[in-house]
Amino acid sequence: MPLVKLYANLRKIAGAKELFMKGADLGSVLSGLVRLHPPLEEIILEGEGVRPHIVVTVNGHHVTELNVSLAEDDVVAIFPPIAGG
C-alpha cells in the first residue's frame, strides 16, 4: 500500500504523520484519506482535483493529476501552504 506522509497542520487534523492507504492511483488514495479524515477534504481537494496551493509529491516528484498510477511502495507527501513573514 502506498505510504502517505502528512506535513504541518495536516498531521494535527489526521492525528498521524504517516498512513498507509489503499489505492491504485493518487485519486483513490486521496479519496480514502478524506473518507478517514473528512476535515482534510476542504483543505486538500477542490472539485475534481487538488487545490492549487497544496503540494503533492509522489516519490519526490510534484504531481497535479489525480490519475497518476501508484505502486505498492510509492510515497505520497502532502504539504499545505506555508505562510511566512
Protein backbone atom coordinates (compact mmCIF):
# COMPACT_ATOMS: atom_id res chain seq x y z
CA MET A 1 0.00 0.00 0.00
CA PRO A 2 1.28 3.49 -0.78
CA LEU A 3 2.52 5.45 2.21
CA VAL A 4 1.02 8.92 2.67
CA LYS A 5 3.11 11.44 4.62
CA LEU A 6 1.35 14.49 6.01
CA TYR A 7 3.04 17.73 7.00
CA ALA A 8 2.32 20.74 9.23
CA ASN A 9 -1.33 21.20 10.24
CA LEU A 10 -2.42 18.19 8.16
CA ARG A 11 -0.72 15.95 10.73
CA LYS A 12 -2.72 17.54 13.51
CA ILE A 13 -6.00 17.15 11.67
CA ALA A 14 -5.37 13.49 10.80
CA GLY A 15 -3.73 12.67 14.12
CA ALA A 16 -0.85 10.96 12.31
CA LYS A 17 2.35 11.77 10.42
CA GLU A 18 2.06 8.78 8.08
CA LEU A 19 -0.69 6.47 6.90
CA PHE A 20 -0.77 3.50 4.57
CA MET A 21 -3.65 3.92 2.11
CA LYS A 22 -5.06 1.51 -0.44
CA GLY A 23 -5.31 2.77 -3.99
CA ALA A 24 -4.00 2.19 -7.50
CA ASP A 25 -3.84 5.90 -8.30
CA LEU A 26 -3.46 9.20 -6.49
CA GLY A 27 -7.19 9.97 -6.69
CA SER A 28 -8.09 6.71 -4.94
CA VAL A 29 -5.53 7.28 -2.22
CA LEU A 30 -6.71 10.84 -1.58
CA SER A 31 -10.36 9.74 -1.60
CA GLY A 32 -9.57 7.13 1.03
CA LEU A 33 -7.67 9.67 3.09
CA VAL A 34 -10.54 12.17 3.17
CA ARG A 35 -13.04 9.40 3.94
CA LEU A 36 -10.98 8.56 7.05
CA HIS A 37 -10.41 12.23 7.94
CA PRO A 38 -13.24 14.35 6.43
CA PRO A 39 -11.81 17.73 7.55
CA LEU A 40 -8.88 17.16 5.17
CA GLU A 41 -11.17 17.27 2.13
CA GLU A 42 -11.77 21.02 2.20
CA ILE A 43 -8.04 21.63 2.68
CA ILE A 44 -6.65 19.24 0.04
CA LEU A 45 -9.30 18.82 -2.65
CA GLU A 46 -11.18 21.24 -4.86
CA GLY A 47 -13.72 19.94 -7.35
CA GLU A 48 -12.09 17.09 -9.24
CA GLY A 49 -8.52 17.92 -8.27
CA VAL A 50 -6.02 19.09 -5.71
CA ARG A 51 -6.29 22.69 -4.51
CA PRO A 52 -3.74 24.93 -6.25
CA HIS A 53 -1.94 25.89 -3.03
CA ILE A 54 -1.41 22.26 -1.91
CA VAL A 55 1.78 20.49 -2.98
CA VAL A 56 1.53 16.75 -3.56
CA THR A 57 4.57 14.68 -4.45
CA VAL A 58 4.94 11.04 -5.41
CA ASN A 59 8.40 9.71 -4.66
CA GLY A 60 9.68 13.29 -4.52
CA HIS A 61 8.16 14.40 -7.84
CA HIS A 62 5.49 17.11 -7.85
CA VAL A 63 2.20 15.86 -9.29
CA THR A 64 -1.04 17.65 -10.06
CA GLU A 65 -3.13 14.96 -11.77
CA LEU A 66 -5.24 12.54 -9.73
CA ASN A 67 -4.91 9.77 -12.33
CA VAL A 68 -1.20 9.22 -11.56
CA SER A 69 -0.70 5.47 -11.04
CA LEU A 70 0.78 4.34 -7.76
CA ALA A 71 2.75 1.22 -6.86
CA GLU A 72 2.62 -0.56 -3.52
CA ASP A 73 5.88 1.01 -2.35
CA ASP A 74 5.28 4.59 -3.52
CA VAL A 75 5.42 7.50 -1.09
CA VAL A 76 2.88 10.31 -1.40
CA ALA A 77 3.71 13.50 0.51
CA ILE A 78 1.15 16.27 1.04
CA PHE A 79 2.25 19.77 2.00
CA PRO A 80 -0.19 22.53 2.99
CA PRO A 81 0.57 26.15 2.18
CA ILE A 82 3.14 27.68 4.49
CA ALA A 83 2.92 31.36 5.33
CA GLY A 84 5.89 33.30 6.49
CA GLY A 85 6.76 36.78 7.22
